[in-house]
N, C-alpha and C. Protein backbone atom coordinates (compact mmCIF):
# COMPACT_ATOMS: atom_id res chain seq x y z
N MET A 1 57.90 -31.53 43.47
CA MET A 1 57.77 -30.38 42.58
C MET A 1 58.92 -29.40 42.74
N LYS A 2 59.33 -29.12 43.98
CA LYS A 2 60.43 -28.19 44.20
C LYS A 2 61.73 -28.75 43.65
N PHE A 3 61.91 -30.08 43.74
CA PHE A 3 63.11 -30.71 43.20
C PHE A 3 63.17 -30.50 41.69
N LEU A 4 62.03 -30.64 41.01
CA LEU A 4 61.99 -30.43 39.57
C LEU A 4 62.30 -28.97 39.22
N ARG A 5 61.83 -28.06 40.05
CA ARG A 5 62.12 -26.64 39.82
C ARG A 5 63.60 -26.36 40.00
N LYS A 6 64.23 -27.04 40.95
CA LYS A 6 65.68 -26.89 41.15
C LYS A 6 66.44 -27.39 39.92
N LEU A 7 66.02 -28.51 39.37
CA LEU A 7 66.66 -29.04 38.17
C LEU A 7 66.46 -28.07 36.99
N TYR A 8 65.24 -27.55 36.88
CA TYR A 8 64.92 -26.60 35.81
C TYR A 8 65.76 -25.34 35.94
N THR A 9 65.93 -24.87 37.17
CA THR A 9 66.74 -23.67 37.42
C THR A 9 68.21 -23.93 37.09
N LEU A 10 68.71 -25.10 37.48
CA LEU A 10 70.10 -25.46 37.15
C LEU A 10 70.30 -25.50 35.64
N TYR A 11 69.35 -26.10 34.96
CA TYR A 11 69.41 -26.15 33.50
C TYR A 11 69.42 -24.73 32.91
N GLY A 12 68.54 -23.85 33.44
CA GLY A 12 68.48 -22.47 32.97
C GLY A 12 69.79 -21.73 33.18
N LEU A 13 70.44 -21.96 34.33
CA LEU A 13 71.72 -21.31 34.61
C LEU A 13 72.82 -21.80 33.66
N ILE A 14 72.78 -23.09 33.35
CA ILE A 14 73.76 -23.65 32.40
C ILE A 14 73.58 -23.03 31.02
N ILE A 15 72.32 -22.93 30.58
CA ILE A 15 72.03 -22.31 29.29
C ILE A 15 72.47 -20.85 29.29
N PHE A 16 72.17 -20.13 30.37
CA PHE A 16 72.57 -18.72 30.48
C PHE A 16 74.08 -18.58 30.36
N THR A 17 74.82 -19.44 31.05
CA THR A 17 76.28 -19.36 31.05
C THR A 17 76.86 -19.68 29.67
N LEU A 18 76.36 -20.73 29.04
CA LEU A 18 76.86 -21.12 27.72
C LEU A 18 76.59 -20.02 26.69
N LEU A 19 75.39 -19.44 26.75
CA LEU A 19 75.06 -18.37 25.81
C LEU A 19 75.92 -17.13 26.07
N PHE A 20 76.20 -16.86 27.35
CA PHE A 20 77.04 -15.70 27.66
C PHE A 20 78.43 -15.86 27.05
N VAL A 21 79.00 -17.07 27.15
CA VAL A 21 80.33 -17.32 26.59
C VAL A 21 80.32 -17.03 25.09
N VAL A 22 79.26 -17.45 24.41
CA VAL A 22 79.16 -17.22 22.97
C VAL A 22 79.00 -15.73 22.67
N PHE A 23 78.07 -15.07 23.38
CA PHE A 23 77.75 -13.68 23.07
C PHE A 23 78.81 -12.70 23.59
N PHE A 24 79.61 -13.12 24.54
CA PHE A 24 80.66 -12.23 25.04
C PHE A 24 81.58 -11.78 23.90
N LEU A 25 81.88 -12.70 23.00
CA LEU A 25 82.74 -12.36 21.86
C LEU A 25 82.09 -11.30 20.98
N LEU A 26 80.76 -11.39 20.82
CA LEU A 26 80.05 -10.37 20.04
C LEU A 26 80.04 -9.03 20.76
N PHE A 27 79.84 -9.07 22.07
CA PHE A 27 79.78 -7.82 22.84
C PHE A 27 81.12 -7.08 22.86
N LEU A 28 82.19 -7.78 22.55
CA LEU A 28 83.49 -7.12 22.47
C LEU A 28 83.52 -6.06 21.36
N ILE A 29 82.66 -6.23 20.35
CA ILE A 29 82.64 -5.27 19.23
C ILE A 29 82.22 -3.88 19.72
N PRO A 30 81.03 -3.74 20.38
CA PRO A 30 80.68 -2.40 20.88
C PRO A 30 81.53 -1.96 22.06
N ILE A 31 82.16 -2.90 22.78
CA ILE A 31 83.06 -2.50 23.86
C ILE A 31 84.29 -1.80 23.29
N ILE A 32 84.81 -2.35 22.20
CA ILE A 32 86.02 -1.79 21.58
C ILE A 32 85.67 -0.58 20.70
N PHE A 33 84.60 -0.73 19.93
CA PHE A 33 84.20 0.34 19.00
C PHE A 33 82.95 1.04 19.58
N LYS A 34 83.18 2.07 20.36
CA LYS A 34 82.12 2.71 21.14
C LYS A 34 80.98 3.25 20.27
N ARG A 35 81.28 3.66 19.04
CA ARG A 35 80.25 4.24 18.20
C ARG A 35 79.25 3.19 17.70
N GLN A 36 79.58 1.94 17.89
CA GLN A 36 78.67 0.86 17.48
C GLN A 36 77.73 0.45 18.62
N PHE A 37 77.33 1.43 19.43
CA PHE A 37 76.53 1.12 20.63
C PHE A 37 75.17 0.50 20.29
N LYS A 38 74.67 0.73 19.07
CA LYS A 38 73.38 0.14 18.72
C LYS A 38 73.46 -1.39 18.65
N LEU A 39 74.67 -1.92 18.49
CA LEU A 39 74.84 -3.37 18.48
C LEU A 39 74.51 -3.98 19.84
N VAL A 40 74.62 -3.18 20.91
CA VAL A 40 74.30 -3.69 22.25
C VAL A 40 72.86 -4.16 22.29
N GLY A 41 71.94 -3.34 21.79
CA GLY A 41 70.53 -3.71 21.77
C GLY A 41 70.27 -4.91 20.87
N ILE A 42 70.94 -4.95 19.73
CA ILE A 42 70.75 -6.07 18.80
C ILE A 42 71.23 -7.38 19.43
N PHE A 43 72.43 -7.36 20.01
CA PHE A 43 72.96 -8.58 20.62
C PHE A 43 72.15 -8.98 21.86
N ASN A 44 71.69 -7.99 22.62
CA ASN A 44 70.82 -8.31 23.77
C ASN A 44 69.56 -9.04 23.31
N ARG A 45 69.01 -8.60 22.17
CA ARG A 45 67.80 -9.20 21.64
C ARG A 45 68.07 -10.65 21.21
N TRP A 46 69.18 -10.86 20.52
CA TRP A 46 69.53 -12.22 20.11
C TRP A 46 69.71 -13.12 21.33
N TRP A 47 70.42 -12.57 22.32
CA TRP A 47 70.72 -13.34 23.53
C TRP A 47 69.41 -13.70 24.26
N ALA A 48 68.53 -12.72 24.44
CA ALA A 48 67.28 -12.95 25.16
C ALA A 48 66.41 -13.98 24.43
N ARG A 49 66.30 -13.84 23.12
CA ARG A 49 65.49 -14.79 22.35
C ARG A 49 66.06 -16.21 22.44
N ALA A 50 67.38 -16.31 22.36
CA ALA A 50 68.01 -17.64 22.46
C ALA A 50 67.82 -18.22 23.86
N LEU A 51 67.96 -17.38 24.88
CA LEU A 51 67.81 -17.84 26.26
C LEU A 51 66.41 -18.42 26.49
N PHE A 52 65.38 -17.66 26.14
CA PHE A 52 64.01 -18.12 26.40
C PHE A 52 63.64 -19.31 25.51
N PHE A 53 64.22 -19.36 24.31
CA PHE A 53 63.96 -20.51 23.44
C PHE A 53 64.51 -21.79 24.04
N PHE A 54 65.78 -21.76 24.44
CA PHE A 54 66.42 -22.98 24.94
C PHE A 54 65.92 -23.36 26.34
N VAL A 55 65.48 -22.38 27.13
CA VAL A 55 64.93 -22.69 28.45
C VAL A 55 63.47 -23.13 28.32
N GLY A 56 62.88 -22.89 27.16
CA GLY A 56 61.53 -23.37 26.91
C GLY A 56 60.44 -22.47 27.43
N ILE A 57 60.74 -21.18 27.58
CA ILE A 57 59.73 -20.22 28.05
C ILE A 57 59.22 -19.42 26.86
N PRO A 58 57.97 -19.63 26.44
CA PRO A 58 57.43 -18.82 25.35
C PRO A 58 57.24 -17.38 25.79
N PHE A 59 57.42 -16.46 24.88
CA PHE A 59 57.31 -15.05 25.24
C PHE A 59 56.53 -14.29 24.18
N SER A 60 55.96 -13.17 24.59
CA SER A 60 55.26 -12.29 23.66
C SER A 60 55.52 -10.85 24.07
N THR A 61 55.72 -10.00 23.09
CA THR A 61 55.91 -8.57 23.33
C THR A 61 54.74 -7.81 22.70
N HIS A 62 54.20 -6.86 23.45
CA HIS A 62 53.04 -6.11 22.98
C HIS A 62 53.36 -4.61 23.04
N TYR A 63 53.17 -3.94 21.92
CA TYR A 63 53.40 -2.50 21.86
C TYR A 63 52.05 -1.80 21.67
N LYS A 64 51.69 -0.95 22.62
CA LYS A 64 50.41 -0.25 22.55
C LYS A 64 50.37 0.74 21.38
N THR A 65 51.54 1.17 20.96
CA THR A 65 51.65 2.04 19.78
C THR A 65 53.01 1.77 19.15
N ARG A 66 53.13 2.07 17.89
CA ARG A 66 54.39 1.83 17.19
C ARG A 66 55.41 2.89 17.61
N LEU A 67 56.55 2.44 18.09
CA LEU A 67 57.61 3.36 18.47
C LEU A 67 58.40 3.77 17.24
N ASP A 68 58.77 5.04 17.19
CA ASP A 68 59.54 5.56 16.06
C ASP A 68 60.97 5.02 16.16
N PRO A 69 61.42 4.22 15.19
CA PRO A 69 62.77 3.64 15.26
C PRO A 69 63.88 4.68 15.23
N GLY A 70 63.55 5.89 14.79
CA GLY A 70 64.55 6.95 14.72
C GLY A 70 64.60 7.83 15.96
N LYS A 71 63.71 7.57 16.94
CA LYS A 71 63.65 8.40 18.13
C LYS A 71 64.27 7.70 19.33
N GLN A 72 64.67 8.50 20.31
CA GLN A 72 65.16 7.97 21.59
C GLN A 72 64.02 7.87 22.58
N TYR A 73 64.14 6.88 23.47
CA TYR A 73 63.15 6.71 24.53
C TYR A 73 63.86 6.30 25.82
N ILE A 74 63.21 6.58 26.93
CA ILE A 74 63.64 6.05 28.22
C ILE A 74 62.58 5.04 28.66
N PHE A 75 62.95 3.78 28.70
CA PHE A 75 62.01 2.71 29.05
C PHE A 75 62.03 2.51 30.57
N CYS A 76 60.86 2.56 31.18
CA CYS A 76 60.75 2.43 32.63
C CYS A 76 59.85 1.23 32.99
N PRO A 77 60.45 0.07 33.26
CA PRO A 77 59.66 -1.12 33.59
C PRO A 77 59.48 -1.29 35.11
N ASN A 78 58.43 -2.05 35.47
CA ASN A 78 58.33 -2.51 36.85
C ASN A 78 59.44 -3.55 37.08
N HIS A 79 59.77 -3.80 38.36
CA HIS A 79 60.89 -4.69 38.65
C HIS A 79 60.54 -5.59 39.83
N PHE A 80 60.06 -6.80 39.50
CA PHE A 80 59.66 -7.75 40.53
C PHE A 80 60.44 -9.05 40.47
N SER A 81 61.37 -9.19 39.50
CA SER A 81 62.09 -10.45 39.32
C SER A 81 63.44 -10.19 38.68
N TYR A 82 64.40 -11.08 38.97
CA TYR A 82 65.72 -10.98 38.33
C TYR A 82 65.63 -11.31 36.85
N LEU A 83 64.52 -11.86 36.43
CA LEU A 83 64.32 -12.18 35.02
C LEU A 83 63.97 -10.95 34.19
N ASP A 84 63.66 -9.84 34.85
CA ASP A 84 63.22 -8.64 34.15
C ASP A 84 64.28 -8.10 33.19
N ILE A 85 65.55 -8.19 33.60
CA ILE A 85 66.62 -7.65 32.75
C ILE A 85 66.68 -8.42 31.44
N ALA A 86 66.63 -9.75 31.53
CA ALA A 86 66.64 -10.57 30.30
C ALA A 86 65.40 -10.27 29.46
N ALA A 87 64.25 -10.07 30.12
CA ALA A 87 63.01 -9.79 29.39
C ALA A 87 63.12 -8.49 28.60
N LEU A 88 63.77 -7.48 29.18
CA LEU A 88 63.92 -6.19 28.48
C LEU A 88 64.83 -6.33 27.27
N GLY A 89 65.62 -7.41 27.22
CA GLY A 89 66.42 -7.66 26.02
C GLY A 89 65.56 -7.94 24.81
N LEU A 90 64.30 -8.30 25.01
CA LEU A 90 63.39 -8.58 23.89
C LEU A 90 62.90 -7.31 23.22
N ASN A 91 63.18 -6.17 23.80
CA ASN A 91 62.76 -4.88 23.25
C ASN A 91 63.27 -4.74 21.82
N THR A 92 62.38 -4.38 20.89
CA THR A 92 62.80 -4.21 19.50
C THR A 92 63.52 -2.88 19.29
N HIS A 93 63.49 -2.00 20.30
CA HIS A 93 64.18 -0.71 20.23
C HIS A 93 65.50 -0.85 20.98
N ASN A 94 66.60 -0.59 20.32
CA ASN A 94 67.92 -0.77 20.93
C ASN A 94 68.12 0.20 22.09
N ALA A 95 68.58 -0.33 23.23
CA ALA A 95 68.76 0.51 24.42
C ALA A 95 69.83 -0.12 25.32
N ILE A 96 70.42 0.73 26.17
CA ILE A 96 71.34 0.24 27.19
C ILE A 96 70.68 0.42 28.55
N PHE A 97 71.23 -0.26 29.57
CA PHE A 97 70.64 -0.23 30.90
C PHE A 97 71.34 0.78 31.81
N VAL A 98 70.57 1.35 32.71
CA VAL A 98 71.10 2.10 33.84
C VAL A 98 70.63 1.36 35.08
N GLY A 99 71.58 0.80 35.86
CA GLY A 99 71.16 -0.02 36.99
C GLY A 99 72.22 -0.14 38.06
N LYS A 100 71.88 -0.86 39.10
CA LYS A 100 72.77 -1.02 40.25
C LYS A 100 74.03 -1.78 39.84
N ASN A 101 75.08 -1.56 40.63
CA ASN A 101 76.38 -2.15 40.30
C ASN A 101 76.57 -3.54 40.92
N ASP A 102 75.50 -4.18 41.36
CA ASP A 102 75.61 -5.48 42.03
C ASP A 102 76.32 -6.52 41.18
N MET A 103 76.09 -6.47 39.85
CA MET A 103 76.61 -7.52 38.98
C MET A 103 78.05 -7.28 38.52
N GLU A 104 78.62 -6.15 38.92
CA GLU A 104 79.98 -5.84 38.47
C GLU A 104 81.03 -6.82 38.99
N ASN A 105 80.73 -7.48 40.10
CA ASN A 105 81.72 -8.39 40.70
C ASN A 105 81.68 -9.79 40.11
N ILE A 106 80.72 -10.06 39.22
CA ILE A 106 80.67 -11.37 38.56
C ILE A 106 81.78 -11.43 37.52
N PRO A 107 82.67 -12.42 37.61
CA PRO A 107 83.79 -12.50 36.65
C PRO A 107 83.31 -12.47 35.20
N LEU A 108 83.96 -11.70 34.40
CA LEU A 108 83.72 -11.55 32.97
C LEU A 108 82.38 -10.86 32.68
N PHE A 109 81.30 -11.36 33.27
CA PHE A 109 79.99 -10.73 33.07
C PHE A 109 80.02 -9.30 33.59
N GLY A 110 80.65 -9.10 34.76
CA GLY A 110 80.74 -7.77 35.34
C GLY A 110 81.50 -6.81 34.44
N PHE A 111 82.56 -7.31 33.81
CA PHE A 111 83.33 -6.48 32.88
C PHE A 111 82.47 -6.06 31.70
N MET A 112 81.73 -7.02 31.14
CA MET A 112 80.85 -6.73 30.01
C MET A 112 79.77 -5.73 30.41
N TYR A 113 79.17 -5.94 31.58
CA TYR A 113 78.05 -5.12 32.01
C TYR A 113 78.47 -3.66 32.24
N ARG A 114 79.57 -3.45 32.97
CA ARG A 114 79.97 -2.07 33.26
C ARG A 114 80.58 -1.38 32.04
N SER A 115 81.04 -2.18 31.05
CA SER A 115 81.61 -1.58 29.84
C SER A 115 80.54 -1.10 28.88
N LEU A 116 79.38 -1.75 28.90
CA LEU A 116 78.33 -1.44 27.93
C LEU A 116 77.18 -0.64 28.52
N HIS A 117 77.00 -0.72 29.83
CA HIS A 117 75.86 -0.10 30.47
C HIS A 117 76.32 0.91 31.53
N ILE A 118 75.38 1.57 32.16
CA ILE A 118 75.69 2.57 33.18
C ILE A 118 75.32 2.01 34.54
N THR A 119 76.28 1.94 35.44
CA THR A 119 76.02 1.36 36.76
C THR A 119 76.10 2.43 37.84
N VAL A 120 75.42 2.13 38.95
CA VAL A 120 75.39 3.09 40.06
C VAL A 120 75.45 2.35 41.38
N ASP A 121 76.19 2.92 42.32
CA ASP A 121 76.18 2.46 43.71
C ASP A 121 75.29 3.44 44.48
N ARG A 122 74.05 3.02 44.76
CA ARG A 122 73.07 3.93 45.34
C ARG A 122 73.40 4.31 46.79
N THR A 123 74.37 3.62 47.39
CA THR A 123 74.75 3.96 48.77
C THR A 123 75.71 5.15 48.81
N LYS A 124 76.22 5.56 47.64
CA LYS A 124 77.21 6.63 47.59
C LYS A 124 76.67 7.81 46.78
N LEU A 125 76.67 8.98 47.40
CA LEU A 125 76.17 10.18 46.75
C LEU A 125 76.97 10.51 45.50
N LYS A 126 78.29 10.35 45.57
CA LYS A 126 79.15 10.66 44.43
C LYS A 126 78.82 9.77 43.24
N SER A 127 78.56 8.48 43.51
CA SER A 127 78.21 7.55 42.44
C SER A 127 76.89 7.93 41.81
N ARG A 128 75.91 8.31 42.62
CA ARG A 128 74.60 8.69 42.08
C ARG A 128 74.72 9.94 41.19
N TYR A 129 75.55 10.89 41.64
CA TYR A 129 75.76 12.11 40.85
C TYR A 129 76.46 11.78 39.54
N SER A 130 77.51 10.94 39.61
CA SER A 130 78.25 10.54 38.41
C SER A 130 77.35 9.80 37.43
N THR A 131 76.48 8.95 37.97
CA THR A 131 75.57 8.19 37.11
C THR A 131 74.61 9.11 36.38
N MET A 132 74.14 10.14 37.06
CA MET A 132 73.23 11.08 36.42
C MET A 132 73.93 11.80 35.26
N LEU A 133 75.18 12.19 35.47
CA LEU A 133 75.94 12.85 34.41
C LEU A 133 76.15 11.91 33.23
N ARG A 134 76.46 10.65 33.51
CA ARG A 134 76.67 9.67 32.44
C ARG A 134 75.36 9.37 31.71
N THR A 135 74.26 9.38 32.44
CA THR A 135 72.95 9.17 31.82
C THR A 135 72.63 10.28 30.83
N LEU A 136 72.86 11.52 31.25
CA LEU A 136 72.61 12.65 30.36
C LEU A 136 73.54 12.63 29.15
N GLN A 137 74.78 12.23 29.40
CA GLN A 137 75.74 12.12 28.29
C GLN A 137 75.31 11.05 27.30
N ALA A 138 74.83 9.91 27.82
CA ALA A 138 74.37 8.82 26.94
C ALA A 138 73.21 9.28 26.06
N LEU A 139 72.32 10.09 26.63
CA LEU A 139 71.21 10.62 25.83
C LEU A 139 71.73 11.59 24.78
N ASP A 140 72.72 12.38 25.12
CA ASP A 140 73.33 13.30 24.14
C ASP A 140 73.99 12.53 23.00
N GLU A 141 74.45 11.32 23.29
CA GLU A 141 75.11 10.49 22.28
C GLU A 141 74.11 9.74 21.40
N GLY A 142 72.83 9.92 21.69
CA GLY A 142 71.80 9.30 20.86
C GLY A 142 71.32 7.94 21.35
N LYS A 143 71.65 7.58 22.58
CA LYS A 143 71.26 6.27 23.10
C LYS A 143 69.88 6.32 23.75
N SER A 144 69.15 5.22 23.63
CA SER A 144 67.95 5.02 24.43
C SER A 144 68.32 4.24 25.68
N LEU A 145 67.55 4.40 26.74
CA LEU A 145 67.92 3.83 28.03
C LEU A 145 66.79 2.99 28.62
N VAL A 146 67.19 2.02 29.43
CA VAL A 146 66.26 1.27 30.27
C VAL A 146 66.60 1.60 31.72
N ILE A 147 65.65 2.16 32.44
CA ILE A 147 65.87 2.53 33.84
C ILE A 147 64.72 1.98 34.67
N PHE A 148 65.03 1.15 35.66
CA PHE A 148 64.01 0.67 36.58
C PHE A 148 63.76 1.77 37.62
N PRO A 149 62.62 2.45 37.56
CA PRO A 149 62.42 3.63 38.42
C PRO A 149 62.36 3.31 39.90
N GLU A 150 62.09 2.05 40.26
CA GLU A 150 62.08 1.68 41.68
C GLU A 150 63.49 1.52 42.23
N GLY A 151 64.48 1.45 41.33
CA GLY A 151 65.87 1.34 41.75
C GLY A 151 66.30 -0.07 42.11
N GLY A 152 65.41 -1.03 41.97
CA GLY A 152 65.74 -2.41 42.30
C GLY A 152 64.47 -3.17 42.68
N ILE A 153 64.64 -4.41 43.09
CA ILE A 153 63.51 -5.22 43.55
C ILE A 153 63.27 -4.91 45.02
N VAL A 154 62.11 -4.37 45.32
CA VAL A 154 61.83 -3.93 46.70
C VAL A 154 60.84 -4.84 47.40
N THR A 155 60.38 -5.88 46.70
CA THR A 155 59.44 -6.82 47.30
C THR A 155 60.07 -8.20 47.36
N GLU A 156 59.78 -8.96 48.40
CA GLU A 156 60.36 -10.29 48.55
C GLU A 156 59.42 -11.40 48.10
N LYS A 157 58.15 -11.12 48.01
CA LYS A 157 57.21 -12.16 47.62
C LYS A 157 56.22 -11.62 46.61
N ASP A 158 54.99 -11.34 47.05
CA ASP A 158 54.00 -10.80 46.12
C ASP A 158 54.45 -9.43 45.62
N PRO A 159 54.19 -9.12 44.34
CA PRO A 159 54.68 -7.85 43.77
C PRO A 159 54.05 -6.63 44.43
N LYS A 160 54.89 -5.67 44.71
CA LYS A 160 54.44 -4.41 45.31
C LYS A 160 55.35 -3.31 44.80
N MET A 161 54.75 -2.29 44.22
CA MET A 161 55.53 -1.19 43.67
C MET A 161 56.23 -0.43 44.79
N GLY A 162 57.48 -0.05 44.52
CA GLY A 162 58.22 0.76 45.47
C GLY A 162 58.19 2.23 45.06
N LYS A 163 58.69 3.08 45.93
CA LYS A 163 58.76 4.51 45.65
C LYS A 163 59.74 4.74 44.51
N PHE A 164 59.35 5.54 43.53
CA PHE A 164 60.19 5.79 42.37
C PHE A 164 61.36 6.72 42.71
N LYS A 165 62.53 6.39 42.16
CA LYS A 165 63.65 7.33 42.15
C LYS A 165 63.38 8.36 41.05
N ASP A 166 64.02 9.51 41.14
CA ASP A 166 63.68 10.58 40.20
C ASP A 166 64.59 10.66 38.98
N GLY A 167 65.63 9.82 38.92
CA GLY A 167 66.63 9.94 37.85
C GLY A 167 66.06 9.88 36.45
N ALA A 168 65.22 8.89 36.17
CA ALA A 168 64.65 8.73 34.83
C ALA A 168 63.82 9.94 34.43
N PHE A 169 63.09 10.48 35.38
CA PHE A 169 62.18 11.58 35.08
C PHE A 169 62.94 12.90 34.93
N ARG A 170 63.99 13.08 35.72
CA ARG A 170 64.83 14.27 35.56
C ARG A 170 65.50 14.27 34.20
N ALA A 171 66.03 13.09 33.80
CA ALA A 171 66.69 12.98 32.50
C ALA A 171 65.69 13.21 31.36
N SER A 172 64.48 12.68 31.51
CA SER A 172 63.45 12.85 30.49
C SER A 172 63.09 14.32 30.30
N ILE A 173 62.93 15.02 31.39
CA ILE A 173 62.54 16.44 31.31
C ILE A 173 63.69 17.29 30.77
N GLU A 174 64.89 17.04 31.29
CA GLU A 174 66.03 17.88 30.89
C GLU A 174 66.36 17.70 29.42
N LYS A 175 66.30 16.46 28.92
CA LYS A 175 66.67 16.19 27.52
C LYS A 175 65.46 16.04 26.60
N GLN A 176 64.25 16.20 27.17
CA GLN A 176 63.01 16.10 26.39
C GLN A 176 62.93 14.77 25.61
N ILE A 177 63.17 13.70 26.34
CA ILE A 177 63.08 12.34 25.79
C ILE A 177 61.84 11.67 26.37
N PRO A 178 60.95 11.13 25.55
CA PRO A 178 59.73 10.49 26.08
C PRO A 178 60.05 9.26 26.93
N ILE A 179 59.22 9.04 27.93
CA ILE A 179 59.32 7.85 28.77
C ILE A 179 58.29 6.83 28.29
N VAL A 180 58.72 5.58 28.17
CA VAL A 180 57.82 4.49 27.80
C VAL A 180 57.63 3.60 29.03
N PRO A 181 56.47 3.63 29.67
CA PRO A 181 56.21 2.71 30.78
C PRO A 181 56.14 1.27 30.24
N VAL A 182 56.71 0.34 30.99
CA VAL A 182 56.74 -1.07 30.57
C VAL A 182 56.18 -1.94 31.70
N THR A 183 55.27 -2.83 31.34
CA THR A 183 54.69 -3.76 32.31
C THR A 183 55.17 -5.17 32.02
N ILE A 184 55.71 -5.82 33.05
CA ILE A 184 56.13 -7.23 32.95
C ILE A 184 55.35 -7.99 34.02
N PRO A 185 54.16 -8.51 33.68
CA PRO A 185 53.23 -8.97 34.72
C PRO A 185 53.53 -10.31 35.38
N TYR A 186 54.26 -11.21 34.70
CA TYR A 186 54.34 -12.58 35.21
C TYR A 186 55.73 -13.04 35.65
N ASN A 187 56.73 -12.20 35.49
CA ASN A 187 58.09 -12.65 35.81
C ASN A 187 58.27 -13.02 37.28
N TRP A 188 57.51 -12.37 38.16
CA TRP A 188 57.62 -12.68 39.58
C TRP A 188 57.09 -14.09 39.88
N ILE A 189 56.28 -14.62 38.97
CA ILE A 189 55.81 -15.99 39.10
C ILE A 189 56.83 -16.96 38.49
N ILE A 190 57.40 -16.58 37.34
CA ILE A 190 58.37 -17.44 36.65
C ILE A 190 59.64 -17.58 37.47
N LEU A 191 60.14 -16.47 38.01
CA LEU A 191 61.35 -16.50 38.84
C LEU A 191 61.14 -15.60 40.05
N PRO A 192 60.52 -16.13 41.12
CA PRO A 192 60.24 -15.32 42.31
C PRO A 192 61.53 -14.82 42.95
N PRO A 193 61.54 -13.57 43.41
CA PRO A 193 62.77 -13.02 43.99
C PRO A 193 63.16 -13.66 45.32
N ASP A 194 62.19 -14.26 46.02
CA ASP A 194 62.51 -14.84 47.33
C ASP A 194 62.95 -16.30 47.23
N GLU A 195 62.78 -16.94 46.06
CA GLU A 195 63.16 -18.34 45.90
C GLU A 195 64.30 -18.55 44.92
N PHE A 196 64.31 -17.76 43.86
CA PHE A 196 65.24 -17.93 42.74
C PHE A 196 65.17 -19.36 42.19
N LEU A 197 63.95 -19.82 42.00
CA LEU A 197 63.69 -21.11 41.37
C LEU A 197 62.74 -20.89 40.20
N LEU A 198 63.13 -21.38 39.02
CA LEU A 198 62.31 -21.17 37.84
C LEU A 198 61.01 -21.97 37.91
N ARG A 199 59.97 -21.36 37.36
CA ARG A 199 58.68 -22.03 37.20
C ARG A 199 58.23 -21.75 35.77
N TRP A 200 57.74 -22.77 35.08
CA TRP A 200 57.34 -22.57 33.69
C TRP A 200 56.06 -21.77 33.61
N ARG A 201 56.09 -20.76 32.78
CA ARG A 201 54.90 -19.97 32.46
C ARG A 201 55.26 -19.05 31.30
N PRO A 202 54.35 -18.82 30.37
CA PRO A 202 54.64 -17.88 29.28
C PRO A 202 54.96 -16.48 29.81
N LEU A 203 55.93 -15.85 29.18
CA LEU A 203 56.37 -14.51 29.58
C LEU A 203 55.69 -13.48 28.70
N LYS A 204 55.30 -12.39 29.30
CA LYS A 204 54.64 -11.31 28.56
C LYS A 204 55.26 -9.98 28.96
N ILE A 205 55.45 -9.12 27.97
CA ILE A 205 55.97 -7.79 28.26
C ILE A 205 55.19 -6.78 27.42
N VAL A 206 54.73 -5.72 28.08
CA VAL A 206 53.87 -4.73 27.43
C VAL A 206 54.55 -3.37 27.43
N PHE A 207 54.71 -2.78 26.25
CA PHE A 207 55.28 -1.44 26.11
C PHE A 207 54.12 -0.47 25.87
N HIS A 208 53.93 0.44 26.81
CA HIS A 208 52.80 1.36 26.74
C HIS A 208 53.13 2.59 25.88
N GLU A 209 52.14 3.44 25.70
CA GLU A 209 52.34 4.64 24.91
C GLU A 209 53.38 5.56 25.55
N PRO A 210 54.25 6.17 24.76
CA PRO A 210 55.26 7.09 25.33
C PRO A 210 54.60 8.28 26.02
N VAL A 211 55.23 8.74 27.08
CA VAL A 211 54.78 9.92 27.82
C VAL A 211 55.67 11.08 27.44
N ASP A 212 55.09 12.08 26.82
CA ASP A 212 55.84 13.24 26.36
C ASP A 212 56.16 14.14 27.55
N PRO A 213 57.44 14.49 27.76
CA PRO A 213 57.79 15.34 28.91
C PRO A 213 57.56 16.82 28.68
N SER A 214 57.13 17.19 27.48
CA SER A 214 56.90 18.61 27.19
C SER A 214 55.78 19.15 28.08
N PRO A 215 55.88 20.41 28.53
CA PRO A 215 54.84 21.02 29.37
C PRO A 215 53.52 21.08 28.63
């Protein structure tokens, strides 16, 4: 069984790489033309749908209430698997990510990621401060954001919530942007963080009602 999961994971990585090569050319448009930032969410959605289709993982997205397409939101998902980032690409509301800079060193992918999204080195105070300023600026520019409030995957096996960082909530209050809690219940089973081996299971993502930061 583990051998089959290794083959499945290898296949998934090949699909991911091939799709990235194709979509990298599309991502060059918002990289070059900064005002076209809404294309980031659109291309992420195409990429995520293609990835899960070719890997054979059925997915479903559930919205507890209809989100206003003309409004900004800060999406705050739980984070128990490396698959969570791809899953958030299924969001029908265009958004960019605020996350750790771990992926910046991946050739080509790192260039795309840091050019389109906001990265932070949590070990450096200056980086955390700079990221907060860039986050507020992104909201001023009309962007919606995805921020994992735990700051990363803090569990190695069974899912366990970590202590929340305050960045998403500070930005929400200061700019009066609603927070949308997001639940991704099964990704830790599909791609466990301690194994990094794919397991077939339908993917589900739930977008809850927005939380208004107004007093």
